[in-house]
Amino acid sequence: MMNNYIEYLRKLNILTRLDLLLLRPDETVVADFTHYTQHKMIRNRRAEARKKFLARILPLFADMPDYPGTDTPA
């Protein structure tokens, strides 16, 4: 099931050129579809956005049983 999420994000990344990450609640990265940038400000913004997501949004959905697999994608 997790492979389906990864494949979906890969295709979405190609079509939209959005930077996408698939994370587990323990902050490990399952799939990383981000484009490298040399701009330090952009890299810092991405790191801050990731921290905010993990700290604020992810706990709201951690107990929801929407995903039937062993991992909870975010």
PDB file of N, CA and C in Angstrom:
ATOM      1  N   MET A   1       0.816  -1.204   0.000  1.00  0.00           N
ATOM      2  CA  MET A   1       0.000   0.000   0.000  1.00  0.00           C
ATOM      3  C   MET A   1       0.861   1.270   0.000  1.00  0.00           C
ATOM      4  N   MET A   2       1.969   1.255   0.753  1.00  0.00           N
ATOM      5  CA  MET A   2       2.840   2.422   0.791  1.00  0.00           C
ATOM      6  C   MET A   2       3.443   2.696  -0.584  1.00  0.00           C
ATOM      7  N   ASN A   3       3.688   1.656  -1.357  1.00  0.00           N
ATOM      8  CA  ASN A   3       4.218   1.839  -2.712  1.00  0.00           C
ATOM      9  C   ASN A   3       3.250   2.620  -3.586  1.00  0.00           C
ATOM     10  N   ASN A   4       1.948   2.444  -3.362  1.00  0.00           N
ATOM     11  CA  ASN A   4       0.943   3.198  -4.118  1.00  0.00           C
ATOM     12  C   ASN A   4       1.048   4.694  -3.811  1.00  0.00           C
ATOM     13  N   TYR A   5       1.234   5.035  -2.531  1.00  0.00           N
ATOM     14  CA  TYR A   5       1.413   6.437  -2.160  1.00  0.00           C
ATOM     15  C   TYR A   5       2.664   7.016  -2.808  1.00  0.00           C
ATOM     16  N   ILE A   6       3.750   6.265  -2.762  1.00  0.00           N
ATOM     17  CA  ILE A   6       5.008   6.740  -3.321  1.00  0.00           C
ATOM     18  C   ILE A   6       4.883   6.961  -4.828  1.00  0.00           C
ATOM     19  N   GLU A   7       4.266   6.038  -5.517  1.00  0.00           N
ATOM     20  CA  GLU A   7       4.082   6.171  -6.966  1.00  0.00           C
ATOM     21  C   GLU A   7       3.179   7.355  -7.295  1.00  0.00           C
ATOM     22  N   TYR A   8       2.122   7.546  -6.514  1.00  0.00           N
ATOM     23  CA  TYR A   8       1.230   8.686  -6.718  1.00  0.00           C
ATOM     24  C   TYR A   8       1.989  10.004  -6.544  1.00  0.00           C
ATOM     25  N   LEU A   9       2.793  10.095  -5.488  1.00  0.00           N
ATOM     26  CA  LEU A   9       3.556  11.320  -5.254  1.00  0.00           C
ATOM     27  C   LEU A   9       4.599  11.556  -6.342  1.00  0.00           C
ATOM     28  N   ARG A  10       5.204  10.493  -6.838  1.00  0.00           N
ATOM     29  CA  ARG A  10       6.180  10.627  -7.924  1.00  0.00           C
ATOM     30  C   ARG A  10       5.515  11.231  -9.160  1.00  0.00           C
ATOM     31  N   LYS A  11       4.347  10.711  -9.510  1.00  0.00           N
ATOM     32  CA  LYS A  11       3.628  11.232 -10.680  1.00  0.00           C
ATOM     33  C   LYS A  11       3.149  12.667 -10.448  1.00  0.00           C
ATOM     34  N   LEU A  12       2.680  12.944  -9.245  1.00  0.00           N
ATOM     35  CA  LEU A  12       2.229  14.296  -8.919  1.00  0.00           C
ATOM     36  C   LEU A  12       3.395  15.276  -8.975  1.00  0.00           C
ATOM     37  N   ASN A  13       4.555  14.865  -8.525  1.00  0.00           N
ATOM     38  CA  ASN A  13       5.746  15.690  -8.578  1.00  0.00           C
ATOM     39  C   ASN A  13       6.134  16.007 -10.011  1.00  0.00           C
ATOM     40  N   ILE A  14       6.049  15.026 -10.883  1.00  0.00           N
ATOM     41  CA  ILE A  14       6.387  15.236 -12.292  1.00  0.00           C
ATOM     42  C   ILE A  14       5.412  16.204 -12.946  1.00  0.00           C
ATOM     43  N   LEU A  15       4.121  16.035 -12.668  1.00  0.00           N
ATOM     44  CA  LEU A  15       3.103  16.878 -13.298  1.00  0.00           C
ATOM     45  C   LEU A  15       3.088  18.304 -12.771  1.00  0.00           C
ATOM     46  N   THR A  16       3.262  18.469 -11.456  1.00  0.00           N
ATOM     47  CA  THR A  16       3.088  19.779 -10.844  1.00  0.00           C
ATOM     48  C   THR A  16       4.388  20.486 -10.512  1.00  0.00           C
ATOM     49  N   ARG A  17       5.485  19.748 -10.505  1.00  0.00           N
ATOM     50  CA  ARG A  17       6.790  20.272 -10.115  1.00  0.00           C
ATOM     51  C   ARG A  17       6.789  20.808  -8.682  1.00  0.00           C
ATOM     52  N   LEU A  18       5.924  20.238  -7.857  1.00  0.00           N
ATOM     53  CA  LEU A  18       5.911  20.583  -6.437  1.00  0.00           C
ATOM     54  C   LEU A  18       6.938  19.734  -5.707  1.00  0.00           C
ATOM     55  N   ASP A  19       7.506  20.273  -4.651  1.00  0.00           N
ATOM     56  CA  ASP A  19       8.384  19.494  -3.792  1.00  0.00           C
ATOM     57  C   ASP A  19       7.511  18.731  -2.809  1.00  0.00           C
ATOM     58  N   LEU A  20       7.669  17.423  -2.772  1.00  0.00           N
ATOM     59  CA  LEU A  20       6.822  16.576  -1.938  1.00  0.00           C
ATOM     60  C   LEU A  20       7.666  15.624  -1.106  1.00  0.00           C
ATOM     61  N   LEU A  21       7.219  15.396   0.131  1.00  0.00           N
ATOM     62  CA  LEU A  21       7.851  14.435   1.025  1.00  0.00           C
ATOM     63  C   LEU A  21       6.787  13.505   1.569  1.00  0.00           C
ATOM     64  N   LEU A  22       7.143  12.262   1.739  1.00  0.00           N
ATOM     65  CA  LEU A  22       6.282  11.308   2.416  1.00  0.00           C
ATOM     66  C   LEU A  22       7.009  10.917   3.691  1.00  0.00           C
ATOM     67  N   LEU A  23       6.400  11.247   4.822  1.00  0.00           N
ATOM     68  CA  LEU A  23       7.042  11.065   6.117  1.00  0.00           C
ATOM     69  C   LEU A  23       6.282  10.080   6.983  1.00  0.00           C
ATOM     70  N   ARG A  24       6.997   9.484   7.915  1.00  0.00           N
ATOM     71  CA  ARG A  24       6.371   8.691   8.969  1.00  0.00           C
ATOM     72  C   ARG A  24       6.266   9.574  10.212  1.00  0.00           C
ATOM     73  N   PRO A  25       5.398   9.222  11.149  1.00  0.00           N
ATOM     74  CA  PRO A  25       5.273  10.040  12.363  1.00  0.00           C
ATOM     75  C   PRO A  25       6.567  10.168  13.164  1.00  0.00           C
ATOM     76  N   ASP A  26       7.489   9.229  13.008  1.00  0.00           N
ATOM     77  CA  ASP A  26       8.764   9.324  13.720  1.00  0.00           C
ATOM     78  C   ASP A  26       9.786  10.172  12.962  1.00  0.00           C
ATOM     79  N   GLU A  27       9.320  10.912  11.965  1.00  0.00           N
ATOM     80  CA  GLU A  27      10.098  11.869  11.173  1.00  0.00           C
ATOM     81  C   GLU A  27      11.053  11.231  10.170  1.00  0.00           C
ATOM     82  N   THR A  28      10.964   9.940   9.941  1.00  0.00           N
ATOM     83  CA  THR A  28      11.786   9.337   8.900  1.00  0.00           C
ATOM     84  C   THR A  28      11.142   9.582   7.546  1.00  0.00           C
ATOM     85  N   VAL A  29      11.963   9.776   6.556  1.00  0.00           N
ATOM     86  CA  VAL A  29      11.488  10.082   5.210  1.00  0.00           C
ATOM     87  C   VAL A  29      11.321   8.782   4.432  1.00  0.00           C
ATOM     88  N   VAL A  30      10.117   8.553   3.915  1.00  0.00           N
ATOM     89  CA  VAL A  30       9.837   7.379   3.099  1.00  0.00           C
ATOM     90  C   VAL A  30      10.142   7.679   1.636  1.00  0.00           C
ATOM     91  N   ALA A  31       9.735   8.849   1.182  1.00  0.00           N
ATOM     92  CA  ALA A  31       9.988   9.265  -0.203  1.00  0.00           C
ATOM     93  C   ALA A  31      10.264  10.764  -0.215  1.00  0.00           C
ATOM     94  N   ASP A  32      11.230  11.164  -1.000  1.00  0.00           N
ATOM     95  CA  ASP A  32      11.631  12.561  -1.073  1.00  0.00           C
ATOM     96  C   ASP A  32      11.659  12.983  -2.534  1.00  0.00           C
ATOM     97  N   PHE A  33      10.733  13.842  -2.906  1.00  0.00           N
ATOM     98  CA  PHE A  33      10.665  14.362  -4.267  1.00  0.00           C
ATOM     99  C   PHE A  33      10.839  15.881  -4.212  1.00  0.00           C
ATOM    100  N   THR A  34      12.019  16.313  -3.800  1.00  0.00           N
ATOM    101  CA  THR A  34      12.319  17.739  -3.743  1.00  0.00           C
ATOM    102  C   THR A  34      13.443  18.047  -4.711  1.00  0.00           C
ATOM    103  N   HIS A  35      13.392  19.216  -5.257  1.00  0.00           N
ATOM    104  CA  HIS A  35      14.422  19.660  -6.185  1.00  0.00           C
ATOM    105  C   HIS A  35      15.510  20.390  -5.397  1.00  0.00           C
ATOM    106  N   TYR A  36      16.752  20.084  -5.687  1.00  0.00           N
ATOM    107  CA  TYR A  36      17.863  20.723  -4.980  1.00  0.00           C
ATOM    108  C   TYR A  36      17.948  22.184  -5.365  1.00  0.00           C
ATOM    109  N   THR A  37      18.250  22.999  -4.388  1.00  0.00           N
ATOM    110  CA  THR A  37      18.469  24.411  -4.648  1.00  0.00           C
ATOM    111  C   THR A  37      19.747  24.859  -3.949  1.00  0.00           C
ATOM    112  N   GLN A  38      20.434  25.787  -4.557  1.00  0.00           N
ATOM    113  CA  GLN A  38      21.644  26.326  -3.947  1.00  0.00           C
ATOM    114  C   GLN A  38      21.330  27.473  -2.997  1.00  0.00           C
ATOM    115  N   HIS A  39      20.111  27.957  -3.016  1.00  0.00           N
ATOM    116  CA  HIS A  39      19.725  29.094  -2.186  1.00  0.00           C
ATOM    117  C   HIS A  39      19.514  28.633  -0.739  1.00  0.00           C
ATOM    118  N   LYS A  40      20.326  29.171   0.131  1.00  0.00           N
ATOM    119  CA  LYS A  40      20.269  28.790   1.539  1.00  0.00           C
ATOM    120  C   LYS A  40      18.927  29.179   2.163  1.00  0.00           C
ATOM    121  N   MET A  41      18.375  30.315   1.758  1.00  0.00           N
ATOM    122  CA  MET A  41      17.105  30.775   2.317  1.00  0.00           C
ATOM    123  C   MET A  41      15.979  29.781   2.012  1.00  0.00           C
ATOM    124  N   ILE A  42      15.951  29.261   0.802  1.00  0.00           N
ATOM    125  CA  ILE A  42      14.921  28.296   0.428  1.00  0.00           C
ATOM    126  C   ILE A  42      15.098  26.997   1.207  1.00  0.00           C
ATOM    127  N   ARG A  43      16.338  26.540   1.355  1.00  0.00           N
ATOM    128  CA  ARG A  43      16.584  25.321   2.137  1.00  0.00           C
ATOM    129  C   ARG A  43      16.163  25.509   3.586  1.00  0.00           C
ATOM    130  N   ASN A  44      16.426  26.682   4.158  1.00  0.00           N
ATOM    131  CA  ASN A  44      16.016  26.965   5.534  1.00  0.00           C
ATOM    132  C   ASN A  44      14.494  27.018   5.658  1.00  0.00           C
ATOM    133  N   ARG A  45      13.833  27.604   4.665  1.00  0.00           N
ATOM    134  CA  ARG A  45      12.362  27.666   4.679  1.00  0.00           C
ATOM    135  C   ARG A  45      11.759  26.277   4.626  1.00  0.00           C
ATOM    136  N   ARG A  46      12.332  25.404   3.813  1.00  0.00           N
ATOM    137  CA  ARG A  46      11.842  24.030   3.726  1.00  0.00           C
ATOM    138  C   ARG A  46      12.010  23.310   5.060  1.00  0.00           C
ATOM    139  N   ALA A  47      13.154  23.495   5.687  1.00  0.00           N
ATOM    140  CA  ALA A  47      13.404  22.842   6.971  1.00  0.00           C
ATOM    141  C   ALA A  47      12.432  23.343   8.042  1.00  0.00           C
ATOM    142  N   GLU A  48      12.157  24.642   8.046  1.00  0.00           N
ATOM    143  CA  GLU A  48      11.207  25.204   9.009  1.00  0.00           C
ATOM    144  C   GLU A  48       9.784  24.703   8.752  1.00  0.00           C
ATOM    145  N   ALA A  49       9.400  24.638   7.493  1.00  0.00           N
ATOM    146  CA  ALA A  49       8.060  24.145   7.157  1.00  0.00           C
ATOM    147  C   ALA A  49       7.899  22.699   7.594  1.00  0.00           C
ATOM    148  N   ARG A  50       8.922  21.919   7.416  1.00  0.00           N
ATOM    149  CA  ARG A  50       8.875  20.512   7.832  1.00  0.00           C
ATOM    150  C   ARG A  50       8.737  20.392   9.346  1.00  0.00           C
ATOM    151  N   LYS A  51       9.496  21.197  10.084  1.00  0.00           N
ATOM    152  CA  LYS A  51       9.404  21.177  11.549  1.00  0.00           C
ATOM    153  C   LYS A  51       8.008  21.582  12.016  1.00  0.00           C
ATOM    154  N   LYS A  52       7.456  22.632  11.400  1.00  0.00           N
ATOM    155  CA  LYS A  52       6.121  23.086  11.777  1.00  0.00           C
ATOM    156  C   LYS A  52       5.078  22.021  11.488  1.00  0.00           C
ATOM    157  N   PHE A  53       5.189  21.372  10.344  1.00  0.00           N
ATOM    158  CA  PHE A  53       4.238  20.324   9.992  1.00  0.00           C
ATOM    159  C   PHE A  53       4.282  19.200  11.017  1.00  0.00           C
ATOM    160  N   LEU A  54       5.482  18.741  11.318  1.00  0.00           N
ATOM    161  CA  LEU A  54       5.624  17.632  12.262  1.00  0.00           C
ATOM    162  C   LEU A  54       5.152  18.014  13.656  1.00  0.00           C
ATOM    163  N   ALA A  55       5.363  19.251  14.051  1.00  0.00           N
ATOM    164  CA  ALA A  55       4.998  19.687  15.393  1.00  0.00           C
ATOM    165  C   ALA A  55       3.510  19.998  15.543  1.00  0.00           C
ATOM    166  N   ARG A  56       2.886  20.518  14.508  1.00  0.00           N
ATOM    167  CA  ARG A  56       1.503  20.994  14.634  1.00  0.00           C
ATOM    168  C   ARG A  56       0.468  20.123  13.932  1.00  0.00           C
ATOM    169  N   ILE A  57       0.702  19.784  12.712  1.00  0.00           N
ATOM    170  CA  ILE A  57      -0.317  19.132  11.896  1.00  0.00           C
ATOM    171  C   ILE A  57      -0.327  17.624  12.077  1.00  0.00           C
ATOM    172  N   LEU A  58       0.825  17.006  12.049  1.00  0.00           N
ATOM    173  CA  LEU A  58       0.895  15.554  12.115  1.00  0.00           C
ATOM    174  C   LEU A  58       0.218  14.957  13.353  1.00  0.00           C
ATOM    175  N   PRO A  59       0.377  15.530  14.549  1.00  0.00           N
ATOM    176  CA  PRO A  59      -0.306  14.945  15.715  1.00  0.00           C
ATOM    177  C   PRO A  59      -1.833  14.926  15.608  1.00  0.00           C
ATOM    178  N   LEU A  60      -2.396  15.833  14.834  1.00  0.00           N
ATOM    179  CA  LEU A  60      -3.850  15.861  14.663  1.00  0.00           C
ATOM    180  C   LEU A  60      -4.367  14.623  13.943  1.00  0.00           C
ATOM    181  N   PHE A  61      -3.542  14.046  13.073  1.00  0.00           N
ATOM    182  CA  PHE A  61      -3.968  12.922  12.260  1.00  0.00           C
ATOM    183  C   PHE A  61      -3.325  11.595  12.658  1.00  0.00           C
ATOM    184  N   ALA A  62      -2.493  11.607  13.675  1.00  0.00           N
ATOM    185  CA  ALA A  62      -1.738  10.410  14.048  1.00  0.00           C
ATOM    186  C   ALA A  62      -2.640   9.267  14.518  1.00  0.00           C
ATOM    187  N   ASP A  63      -3.775   9.575  15.127  1.00  0.00           N
ATOM    188  CA  ASP A  63      -4.655   8.534  15.659  1.00  0.00           C
ATOM    189  C   ASP A  63      -5.764   8.124  14.709  1.00  0.00           C
ATOM    190  N   MET A  64      -5.818   8.725  13.545  1.00  0.00           N
ATOM    191  CA  MET A  64      -6.880   8.406  12.589  1.00  0.00           C
ATOM    192  C   MET A  64      -6.544   7.126  11.835  1.00  0.00           C
ATOM    193  N   PRO A  65      -7.443   6.159  11.820  1.00  0.00           N
ATOM    194  CA  PRO A  65      -7.167   4.872  11.167  1.00  0.00           C
ATOM    195  C   PRO A  65      -7.546   4.845   9.683  1.00  0.00           C
ATOM    196  N   ASP A  66      -7.274   5.911   8.955  1.00  0.00           N
ATOM    197  CA  ASP A  66      -7.625   5.960   7.534  1.00  0.00           C
ATOM    198  C   ASP A  66      -6.754   5.054   6.683  1.00  0.00           C
ATOM    199  N   TYR A  67      -5.545   4.862   7.117  1.00  0.00           N
ATOM    200  CA  TYR A  67      -4.596   4.078   6.331  1.00  0.00           C
ATOM    201  C   TYR A  67      -4.478   2.675   6.941  1.00  0.00           C
ATOM    202  N   PRO A  68      -4.798   1.632   6.184  1.00  0.00           N
ATOM    203  CA  PRO A  68      -4.823   0.281   6.741  1.00  0.00           C
ATOM    204  C   PRO A  68      -3.470  -0.408   6.858  1.00  0.00           C
ATOM    205  N   GLY A  69      -2.388   0.252   6.451  1.00  0.00           N
ATOM    206  CA  GLY A  69      -1.075  -0.385   6.482  1.00  0.00           C
ATOM    207  C   GLY A  69      -0.408  -0.264   7.845  1.00  0.00           C
ATOM    208  N   THR A  70       0.826  -0.688   7.908  1.00  0.00           N
ATOM    209  CA  THR A  70       1.558  -0.651   9.161  1.00  0.00           C
ATOM    210  C   THR A  70       2.182   0.713   9.408  1.00  0.00           C
ATOM    211  N   ASP A  71       2.392   1.489   8.354  1.00  0.00           N
ATOM    212  CA  ASP A  71       2.941   2.849   8.484  1.00  0.00           C
ATOM    213  C   ASP A  71       1.848   3.863   8.232  1.00  0.00           C
ATOM    214  N   THR A  72       1.975   5.008   8.854  1.00  0.00           N
ATOM    215  CA  THR A  72       1.030   6.094   8.634  1.00  0.00           C
ATOM    216  C   THR A  72       1.708   7.137   7.768  1.00  0.00           C
ATOM    217  N   PRO A  73       1.277   7.306   6.524  1.00  0.00           N
ATOM    218  CA  PRO A  73       1.906   8.331   5.685  1.00  0.00           C
ATOM    219  C   PRO A  73       1.411   9.716   6.033  1.00  0.00           C
ATOM    220  N   ALA A  74       2.225  10.707   5.744  1.00  0.00           N
ATOM    221  CA  ALA A  74       1.826  12.088   5.971  1.00  0.00           C
ATOM    222  C   ALA A  74       2.197  12.907   4.743  1.00  0.00           C
TER     223      ALA A  74
END
